[in-house]
Amino acid sequence: MQWNWRRRLSRRDAERVLAGDPVGPEHPELSRLLAAASAPPHPDELVGQQEVMAAFERAVRTADRAAARPRRRWWSALRREWGPPWQLRRVPGRLPHGSGVPRPCGWPPGRQ
């Protein structure tokens, strides 16, 4: 699909259309689009509208509940157990600040 840049709406024309003025003959595609959008709906366009609206409202309600509930992330359990990443507290053989310098912990057995 090609776009004809010479027929593009100018800012002045767009402001006129938004103000409610009729579209001139220089934009026939826009006038057809606006006529189709402002036409009354056909009866078969509205078939199932109530069911669709009910499904949409259910989806919005469940999304609101899911957004209100904080998600449990896998790293939150690790953070509770191990502390912040820079503070590897419960890792044997490491200093509390996680520098990687071994500390005496009795491993291998018989060595201190």
C-alpha atoms as a PDB file:
ATOM      1  CA  MET A   1       0.000   0.000   0.000  1.00  0.00           C
ATOM      2  CA  GLN A   2       1.463   3.305  -1.037  1.00  0.00           C
ATOM      3  CA  TRP A   3       0.985   6.583   0.726  1.00  0.00           C
ATOM      4  CA  ASN A   4       0.475   9.675  -1.369  1.00  0.00           C
ATOM      5  CA  TRP A   5       2.339  12.373   0.541  1.00  0.00           C
ATOM      6  CA  ARG A   6       0.855  15.201  -1.532  1.00  0.00           C
ATOM      7  CA  ARG A   7      -2.638  14.389  -0.225  1.00  0.00           C
ATOM      8  CA  ARG A   8      -1.600  14.420   3.390  1.00  0.00           C
ATOM      9  CA  LEU A   9      -3.696  16.486   5.801  1.00  0.00           C
ATOM     10  CA  SER A  10      -2.161  19.761   6.797  1.00  0.00           C
ATOM     11  CA  ARG A  11      -2.307  20.962  10.364  1.00  0.00           C
ATOM     12  CA  ARG A  12      -4.841  23.622   9.391  1.00  0.00           C
ATOM     13  CA  ASP A  13      -7.113  21.038   7.711  1.00  0.00           C
ATOM     14  CA  ALA A  14      -6.843  18.703  10.699  1.00  0.00           C
ATOM     15  CA  GLU A  15      -7.822  21.503  13.086  1.00  0.00           C
ATOM     16  CA  ARG A  16     -10.789  22.342  10.851  1.00  0.00           C
ATOM     17  CA  VAL A  17     -11.972  18.720  10.830  1.00  0.00           C
ATOM     18  CA  LEU A  18     -11.581  18.459  14.614  1.00  0.00           C
ATOM     19  CA  ALA A  19     -13.600  21.638  15.027  1.00  0.00           C
ATOM     20  CA  GLY A  20     -16.452  19.997  13.105  1.00  0.00           C
ATOM     21  CA  ASP A  21     -16.146  21.731   9.743  1.00  0.00           C
ATOM     22  CA  PRO A  22     -16.905  19.570   6.689  1.00  0.00           C
ATOM     23  CA  VAL A  23     -14.036  17.980   4.796  1.00  0.00           C
ATOM     24  CA  GLY A  24     -13.330  19.596   1.463  1.00  0.00           C
ATOM     25  CA  PRO A  25     -13.154  17.846  -1.913  1.00  0.00           C
ATOM     26  CA  GLU A  26      -9.351  17.723  -1.722  1.00  0.00           C
ATOM     27  CA  HIS A  27      -9.575  14.789   0.745  1.00  0.00           C
ATOM     28  CA  PRO A  28     -12.141  12.312  -0.653  1.00  0.00           C
ATOM     29  CA  GLU A  29     -10.718   9.329   1.286  1.00  0.00           C
ATOM     30  CA  LEU A  30     -11.087  11.166   4.576  1.00  0.00           C
ATOM     31  CA  SER A  31     -14.643  12.201   3.792  1.00  0.00           C
ATOM     32  CA  ARG A  32     -15.549   8.551   3.005  1.00  0.00           C
ATOM     33  CA  LEU A  33     -13.927   7.396   6.239  1.00  0.00           C
ATOM     34  CA  LEU A  34     -15.761   9.977   8.334  1.00  0.00           C
ATOM     35  CA  ALA A  35     -19.059   9.144   6.630  1.00  0.00           C
ATOM     36  CA  ALA A  36     -18.600   5.444   7.401  1.00  0.00           C
ATOM     37  CA  ALA A  37     -17.645   6.167  11.014  1.00  0.00           C
ATOM     38  CA  SER A  38     -20.633   8.420  11.624  1.00  0.00           C
ATOM     39  CA  ALA A  39     -23.191   6.085  10.041  1.00  0.00           C
ATOM     40  CA  PRO A  40     -25.626   4.269  12.348  1.00  0.00           C
ATOM     41  CA  PRO A  41     -24.632   0.670  13.137  1.00  0.00           C
ATOM     42  CA  HIS A  42     -26.050  -2.257  11.221  1.00  0.00           C
ATOM     43  CA  PRO A  43     -28.063  -4.715  13.347  1.00  0.00           C
ATOM     44  CA  ASP A  44     -25.622  -7.587  12.720  1.00  0.00           C
ATOM     45  CA  GLU A  45     -22.706  -5.423  13.931  1.00  0.00           C
ATOM     46  CA  LEU A  46     -24.189  -5.425  17.427  1.00  0.00           C
ATOM     47  CA  VAL A  47     -24.742  -9.187  17.694  1.00  0.00           C
ATOM     48  CA  GLY A  48     -22.988 -10.442  20.838  1.00  0.00           C
ATOM     49  CA  GLN A  49     -22.159  -6.985  22.128  1.00  0.00           C
ATOM     50  CA  GLN A  50     -23.477  -7.722  25.635  1.00  0.00           C
ATOM     51  CA  GLU A  51     -21.371 -10.886  25.926  1.00  0.00           C
ATOM     52  CA  VAL A  52     -18.269  -9.099  24.702  1.00  0.00           C
ATOM     53  CA  MET A  53     -18.759  -6.229  27.155  1.00  0.00           C
ATOM     54  CA  ALA A  54     -19.291  -8.684  30.040  1.00  0.00           C
ATOM     55  CA  ALA A  55     -16.112 -10.584  29.105  1.00  0.00           C
ATOM     56  CA  PHE A  56     -14.188  -7.317  28.889  1.00  0.00           C
ATOM     57  CA  GLU A  57     -15.392  -6.219  32.332  1.00  0.00           C
ATOM     58  CA  ARG A  58     -14.432  -9.600  33.815  1.00  0.00           C
ATOM     59  CA  ALA A  59     -10.970  -9.332  32.286  1.00  0.00           C
ATOM     60  CA  VAL A  60     -10.517  -5.809  33.639  1.00  0.00           C
ATOM     61  CA  ARG A  61     -11.577  -6.880  37.143  1.00  0.00           C
ATOM     62  CA  THR A  62      -9.206  -9.858  37.208  1.00  0.00           C
ATOM     63  CA  ALA A  63      -6.386  -7.698  35.850  1.00  0.00           C
ATOM     64  CA  ASP A  64      -7.010  -5.149  38.614  1.00  0.00           C
ATOM     65  CA  ARG A  65      -6.840  -7.861  41.275  1.00  0.00           C
ATOM     66  CA  ALA A  66      -3.692  -9.325  39.757  1.00  0.00           C
ATOM     67  CA  ALA A  67      -2.057  -5.897  39.596  1.00  0.00           C
ATOM     68  CA  ALA A  68      -2.972  -5.138  43.209  1.00  0.00           C
ATOM     69  CA  ARG A  69      -1.385  -8.361  44.465  1.00  0.00           C
ATOM     70  CA  PRO A  70       2.437  -8.184  44.589  1.00  0.00           C
ATOM     71  CA  ARG A  71       4.128 -10.882  42.586  1.00  0.00           C
ATOM     72  CA  ARG A  72       6.460 -13.296  44.313  1.00  0.00           C
ATOM     73  CA  ARG A  73       9.649 -13.466  42.370  1.00  0.00           C
ATOM     74  CA  TRP A  74      12.123 -16.286  42.572  1.00  0.00           C
ATOM     75  CA  TRP A  75      14.916 -13.967  43.646  1.00  0.00           C
ATOM     76  CA  SER A  76      12.931 -12.655  46.610  1.00  0.00           C
ATOM     77  CA  ALA A  77      13.192 -16.088  48.238  1.00  0.00           C
ATOM     78  CA  LEU A  78      16.915 -16.144  47.500  1.00  0.00           C
ATOM     79  CA  ARG A  79      17.325 -12.657  48.887  1.00  0.00           C
ATOM     80  CA  ARG A  80      15.554 -13.659  52.105  1.00  0.00           C
ATOM     81  CA  GLU A  81      17.783 -16.711  52.425  1.00  0.00           C
ATOM     82  CA  TRP A  82      21.114 -15.322  51.223  1.00  0.00           C
ATOM     83  CA  GLY A  83      20.764 -11.582  51.720  1.00  0.00           C
ATOM     84  CA  PRO A  84      21.651  -8.991  49.099  1.00  0.00           C
ATOM     85  CA  PRO A  85      23.968 -10.249  46.330  1.00  0.00           C
ATOM     86  CA  TRP A  86      26.937  -8.289  47.656  1.00  0.00           C
ATOM     87  CA  GLN A  87      26.511  -9.861  51.080  1.00  0.00           C
ATOM     88  CA  LEU A  88      26.675 -13.617  50.661  1.00  0.00           C
ATOM     89  CA  ARG A  89      25.975 -14.336  54.317  1.00  0.00           C
ATOM     90  CA  ARG A  90      25.345 -18.044  54.481  1.00  0.00           C
ATOM     91  CA  VAL A  91      27.775 -19.278  51.871  1.00  0.00           C
ATOM     92  CA  PRO A  92      30.452 -21.401  53.558  1.00  0.00           C
ATOM     93  CA  GLY A  93      33.994 -20.459  52.706  1.00  0.00           C
ATOM     94  CA  ARG A  94      33.304 -16.799  51.997  1.00  0.00           C
ATOM     95  CA  LEU A  95      33.549 -13.672  54.036  1.00  0.00           C
ATOM     96  CA  PRO A  96      30.298 -11.880  54.862  1.00  0.00           C
ATOM     97  CA  HIS A  97      30.944  -9.257  52.205  1.00  0.00           C
ATOM     98  CA  GLY A  98      31.447 -11.850  49.494  1.00  0.00           C
ATOM     99  CA  SER A  99      35.006 -10.937  48.580  1.00  0.00           C
ATOM    100  CA  GLY A 100      35.876 -14.511  47.687  1.00  0.00           C
ATOM    101  CA  VAL A 101      38.634 -14.746  50.293  1.00  0.00           C
ATOM    102  CA  PRO A 102      38.310 -18.123  52.014  1.00  0.00           C
ATOM    103  CA  ARG A 103      37.840 -18.110  55.746  1.00  0.00           C
ATOM    104  CA  PRO A 104      38.602 -20.994  58.054  1.00  0.00           C
ATOM    105  CA  CYS A 105      35.476 -23.084  58.273  1.00  0.00           C
ATOM    106  CA  GLY A 106      36.757 -26.594  58.897  1.00  0.00           C
ATOM    107  CA  TRP A 107      36.673 -27.858  55.327  1.00  0.00           C
ATOM    108  CA  PRO A 108      38.235 -30.181  54.357  1.00  0.00           C
ATOM    109  CA  PRO A 109      37.974 -32.001  57.674  1.00  0.00           C
ATOM    110  CA  GLY A 110      41.031 -31.796  59.885  1.00  0.00           C
ATOM    111  CA  ARG A 111      42.191 -28.442  58.502  1.00  0.00           C
ATOM    112  CA  GLN A 112      41.647 -25.059  60.106  1.00  0.00           C
END
